[in-house]
Amino acid sequence: MDKTVVRLNIEHYRKLLAAETDEKKREILDRLRAEEEAKLTALMDPPEDKTSKHDPEKACPRTRSGGGNRFSEKIILHQNVRTTIDSI
């Protein structure tokens, strides 16, 4: 759900609470406001394990154990291929 909608709902429930005098209705409005605030908290700070199971750093680390990265390895591979081709 969109954060803006949740914020507007919270503000709406606060205004209704300010004007309501019936205790039962106030309890319901307060519960609804609390539920919307919980939704907003969940939207603002999603749990780590539920957002994505794929970790790009583990799948494609920026640095390799022998030094360098994938881009530098491609350059070296390209240079080796050119050397091999030129020697033929």
N, C-alpha and C. Protein backbone atom coordinates (compact mmCIF):
# COMPACT_ATOMS: atom_id res chain seq x y z
N MET A 1 0.85 -1.17 0.00
CA MET A 1 0.00 0.00 0.00
C MET A 1 0.90 1.24 0.00
N ASP A 2 0.44 2.28 -0.61
CA ASP A 2 1.18 3.52 -0.71
C ASP A 2 1.29 4.22 0.64
N LYS A 3 2.48 4.72 0.94
CA LYS A 3 2.71 5.40 2.23
C LYS A 3 1.82 6.63 2.38
N THR A 4 1.57 7.32 1.28
CA THR A 4 0.76 8.53 1.33
C THR A 4 -0.66 8.20 1.79
N VAL A 5 -1.22 7.12 1.27
CA VAL A 5 -2.57 6.72 1.65
C VAL A 5 -2.62 6.38 3.14
N VAL A 6 -1.62 5.66 3.61
CA VAL A 6 -1.58 5.29 5.03
C VAL A 6 -1.47 6.54 5.90
N ARG A 7 -0.62 7.48 5.51
CA ARG A 7 -0.48 8.73 6.28
C ARG A 7 -1.79 9.51 6.32
N LEU A 8 -2.47 9.57 5.17
CA LEU A 8 -3.76 10.26 5.12
C LEU A 8 -4.80 9.56 6.00
N ASN A 9 -4.78 8.24 6.03
CA ASN A 9 -5.70 7.50 6.90
C ASN A 9 -5.43 7.82 8.37
N ILE A 10 -4.16 7.86 8.74
CA ILE A 10 -3.79 8.17 10.13
C ILE A 10 -4.30 9.56 10.51
N GLU A 11 -4.07 10.53 9.63
CA GLU A 11 -4.52 11.89 9.90
C GLU A 11 -6.05 11.94 10.01
N HIS A 12 -6.73 11.21 9.14
CA HIS A 12 -8.20 11.17 9.17
C HIS A 12 -8.71 10.60 10.49
N TYR A 13 -8.11 9.49 10.94
CA TYR A 13 -8.53 8.89 12.21
C TYR A 13 -8.24 9.82 13.39
N ARG A 14 -7.14 10.55 13.33
CA ARG A 14 -6.84 11.51 14.41
C ARG A 14 -7.87 12.61 14.49
N LYS A 15 -8.29 13.11 13.32
CA LYS A 15 -9.32 14.16 13.30
C LYS A 15 -10.65 13.63 13.83
N LEU A 16 -11.00 12.41 13.44
CA LEU A 16 -12.24 11.81 13.94
C LEU A 16 -12.18 11.59 15.44
N LEU A 17 -11.02 11.17 15.93
CA LEU A 17 -10.84 10.96 17.38
C LEU A 17 -11.00 12.26 18.15
N ALA A 18 -10.49 13.34 17.59
CA ALA A 18 -10.57 14.64 18.27
C ALA A 18 -12.01 15.12 18.43
N ALA A 19 -12.86 14.74 17.47
CA ALA A 19 -14.24 15.21 17.51
C ALA A 19 -15.20 14.22 18.17
N GLU A 20 -14.84 12.95 18.27
CA GLU A 20 -15.75 11.91 18.78
C GLU A 20 -15.79 11.93 20.31
N THR A 21 -17.00 11.78 20.84
CA THR A 21 -17.18 11.74 22.29
C THR A 21 -17.62 10.36 22.79
N ASP A 22 -18.23 9.56 21.93
CA ASP A 22 -18.67 8.22 22.32
C ASP A 22 -17.45 7.32 22.53
N GLU A 23 -17.37 6.73 23.73
CA GLU A 23 -16.18 5.95 24.09
C GLU A 23 -15.98 4.71 23.20
N LYS A 24 -17.05 4.02 22.86
CA LYS A 24 -16.94 2.83 22.00
C LYS A 24 -16.39 3.19 20.62
N LYS A 25 -16.93 4.28 20.06
CA LYS A 25 -16.46 4.73 18.74
C LYS A 25 -15.00 5.19 18.82
N ARG A 26 -14.64 5.83 19.93
CA ARG A 26 -13.25 6.27 20.10
C ARG A 26 -12.30 5.07 20.15
N GLU A 27 -12.72 4.00 20.82
CA GLU A 27 -11.89 2.79 20.88
C GLU A 27 -11.67 2.21 19.49
N ILE A 28 -12.73 2.17 18.70
CA ILE A 28 -12.62 1.64 17.33
C ILE A 28 -11.70 2.52 16.49
N LEU A 29 -11.90 3.84 16.57
CA LEU A 29 -11.06 4.77 15.80
C LEU A 29 -9.60 4.69 16.23
N ASP A 30 -9.39 4.55 17.54
CA ASP A 30 -8.02 4.44 18.04
C ASP A 30 -7.36 3.15 17.56
N ARG A 31 -8.12 2.06 17.52
CA ARG A 31 -7.59 0.80 17.03
C ARG A 31 -7.25 0.90 15.54
N LEU A 32 -8.14 1.53 14.76
CA LEU A 32 -7.89 1.71 13.33
C LEU A 32 -6.65 2.58 13.09
N ARG A 33 -6.51 3.64 13.90
CA ARG A 33 -5.34 4.50 13.79
C ARG A 33 -4.06 3.73 14.10
N ALA A 34 -4.11 2.91 15.13
CA ALA A 34 -2.94 2.11 15.51
C ALA A 34 -2.58 1.10 14.41
N GLU A 35 -3.59 0.50 13.78
CA GLU A 35 -3.33 -0.43 12.67
C GLU A 35 -2.66 0.28 11.50
N GLU A 36 -3.12 1.48 11.20
CA GLU A 36 -2.52 2.25 10.10
C GLU A 36 -1.08 2.65 10.44
N GLU A 37 -0.84 3.02 11.69
CA GLU A 37 0.53 3.36 12.10
C GLU A 37 1.45 2.15 12.00
N ALA A 38 0.93 0.96 12.30
CA ALA A 38 1.72 -0.26 12.16
C ALA A 38 2.02 -0.53 10.68
N LYS A 39 1.04 -0.27 9.83
CA LYS A 39 1.28 -0.43 8.38
C LYS A 39 2.37 0.52 7.91
N LEU A 40 2.31 1.77 8.38
CA LEU A 40 3.31 2.76 7.98
C LEU A 40 4.70 2.35 8.44
N THR A 41 4.79 1.86 9.66
CA THR A 41 6.07 1.39 10.18
C THR A 41 6.62 0.26 9.31
N ALA A 42 5.74 -0.67 8.93
CA ALA A 42 6.17 -1.79 8.09
C ALA A 42 6.61 -1.31 6.71
N LEU A 43 5.94 -0.31 6.18
CA LEU A 43 6.32 0.23 4.87
C LEU A 43 7.63 1.00 4.93
N MET A 44 7.88 1.67 6.04
CA MET A 44 9.09 2.47 6.18
C MET A 44 10.32 1.62 6.43
N ASP A 45 10.16 0.50 7.13
CA ASP A 45 11.29 -0.33 7.51
C ASP A 45 10.97 -1.80 7.23
N PRO A 46 11.01 -2.22 5.94
CA PRO A 46 10.68 -3.61 5.64
C PRO A 46 11.70 -4.56 6.22
N PRO A 47 11.27 -5.74 6.66
CA PRO A 47 12.20 -6.73 7.21
C PRO A 47 13.21 -7.18 6.15
N GLU A 48 14.43 -7.42 6.57
CA GLU A 48 15.50 -7.81 5.65
C GLU A 48 15.22 -9.12 4.94
N ASP A 49 14.77 -10.13 5.67
CA ASP A 49 14.63 -11.45 5.08
C ASP A 49 13.45 -11.55 4.13
N LYS A 50 12.50 -10.62 4.16
CA LYS A 50 11.34 -10.69 3.29
C LYS A 50 11.50 -9.84 2.03
N THR A 51 12.43 -8.91 2.00
CA THR A 51 12.55 -8.04 0.84
C THR A 51 13.16 -8.75 -0.35
N SER A 52 14.25 -9.48 -0.12
CA SER A 52 14.90 -10.16 -1.22
C SER A 52 15.82 -11.23 -0.68
N LYS A 53 15.73 -12.40 -1.24
CA LYS A 53 16.61 -13.48 -0.83
C LYS A 53 17.89 -13.46 -1.64
N HIS A 54 17.93 -12.68 -2.71
CA HIS A 54 19.10 -12.60 -3.57
C HIS A 54 20.03 -11.50 -3.06
N ASP A 55 21.25 -11.84 -2.80
CA ASP A 55 22.25 -10.88 -2.36
C ASP A 55 23.22 -10.65 -3.50
N PRO A 56 23.15 -9.51 -4.19
CA PRO A 56 24.02 -9.30 -5.35
C PRO A 56 25.50 -9.30 -5.00
N GLU A 57 25.85 -8.91 -3.79
CA GLU A 57 27.26 -8.91 -3.41
C GLU A 57 27.81 -10.33 -3.31
N LYS A 58 26.99 -11.26 -2.85
CA LYS A 58 27.44 -12.65 -2.77
C LYS A 58 27.46 -13.30 -4.15
N ALA A 59 26.51 -12.95 -4.99
CA ALA A 59 26.41 -13.55 -6.32
C ALA A 59 27.52 -13.04 -7.24
N CYS A 60 27.86 -11.79 -7.10
CA CYS A 60 28.87 -11.19 -7.98
C CYS A 60 29.70 -10.22 -7.15
N PRO A 61 30.65 -10.72 -6.39
CA PRO A 61 31.43 -9.83 -5.53
C PRO A 61 32.25 -8.84 -6.36
N ARG A 62 32.44 -7.68 -5.80
CA ARG A 62 33.18 -6.64 -6.51
C ARG A 62 34.67 -6.96 -6.57
N THR A 63 35.18 -7.57 -5.57
CA THR A 63 36.59 -7.95 -5.61
C THR A 63 36.71 -9.46 -5.50
N ARG A 64 37.68 -10.01 -6.19
CA ARG A 64 37.90 -11.45 -6.18
C ARG A 64 38.98 -11.79 -5.18
N SER A 65 39.06 -13.07 -4.82
CA SER A 65 40.05 -13.49 -3.83
C SER A 65 41.47 -13.24 -4.33
N GLY A 66 41.69 -13.33 -5.63
CA GLY A 66 43.01 -13.09 -6.19
C GLY A 66 43.25 -11.63 -6.54
N GLY A 67 42.35 -10.77 -6.17
CA GLY A 67 42.47 -9.35 -6.49
C GLY A 67 41.74 -9.05 -7.79
N GLY A 68 41.46 -7.82 -8.03
CA GLY A 68 40.75 -7.43 -9.25
C GLY A 68 39.26 -7.64 -9.13
N ASN A 69 38.59 -7.44 -10.23
CA ASN A 69 37.15 -7.65 -10.27
C ASN A 69 36.78 -8.27 -11.61
N ARG A 70 35.50 -8.46 -11.85
CA ARG A 70 35.07 -9.13 -13.08
C ARG A 70 35.48 -8.34 -14.31
N PHE A 71 35.41 -7.02 -14.23
CA PHE A 71 35.77 -6.19 -15.38
C PHE A 71 37.24 -6.36 -15.72
N SER A 72 38.12 -6.31 -14.70
CA SER A 72 39.56 -6.47 -14.98
C SER A 72 39.86 -7.87 -15.49
N GLU A 73 39.12 -8.88 -15.02
CA GLU A 73 39.31 -10.24 -15.52
C GLU A 73 38.94 -10.32 -17.00
N LYS A 74 37.89 -9.61 -17.40
CA LYS A 74 37.50 -9.61 -18.82
C LYS A 74 38.57 -8.95 -19.68
N ILE A 75 39.16 -7.88 -19.17
CA ILE A 75 40.21 -7.21 -19.93
C ILE A 75 41.41 -8.14 -20.10
N ILE A 76 41.79 -8.81 -19.03
CA ILE A 76 42.93 -9.73 -19.10
C ILE A 76 42.61 -10.86 -20.06
N LEU A 77 41.41 -11.42 -19.99
CA LEU A 77 41.00 -12.50 -20.89
C LEU A 77 41.04 -12.00 -22.33
N HIS A 78 40.53 -10.81 -22.58
CA HIS A 78 40.54 -10.23 -23.92
C HIS A 78 41.97 -10.07 -24.43
N GLN A 79 42.87 -9.60 -23.57
CA GLN A 79 44.27 -9.45 -23.97
C GLN A 79 44.90 -10.80 -24.30
N ASN A 80 44.59 -11.81 -23.51
CA ASN A 80 45.12 -13.15 -23.79
C ASN A 80 44.62 -13.70 -25.11
N VAL A 81 43.36 -13.48 -25.40
CA VAL A 81 42.78 -13.94 -26.67
C VAL A 81 43.45 -13.21 -27.82
N ARG A 82 43.65 -11.92 -27.69
CA ARG A 82 44.29 -11.17 -28.78
C ARG A 82 45.73 -11.65 -29.00
N THR A 83 46.45 -11.92 -27.90
CA THR A 83 47.82 -12.41 -28.02
C THR A 83 47.84 -13.76 -28.74
N THR A 84 46.89 -14.62 -28.40
CA THR A 84 46.81 -15.93 -29.02
C THR A 84 46.49 -15.80 -30.50
N ILE A 85 45.54 -14.93 -30.83
CA ILE A 85 45.14 -14.73 -32.22
C ILE A 85 46.30 -14.13 -33.02
N ASP A 86 46.99 -13.16 -32.43
CA ASP A 86 48.11 -12.50 -33.14
C ASP A 86 49.25 -13.49 -33.39
N SER A 87 49.42 -14.48 -32.51
CA SER A 87 50.53 -15.42 -32.67
C SER A 87 50.21 -16.50 -33.72
N ILE A 88 48.97 -16.61 -34.13
CA ILE A 88 48.60 -17.63 -35.12
C ILE A 88 48.96 -17.19 -36.50
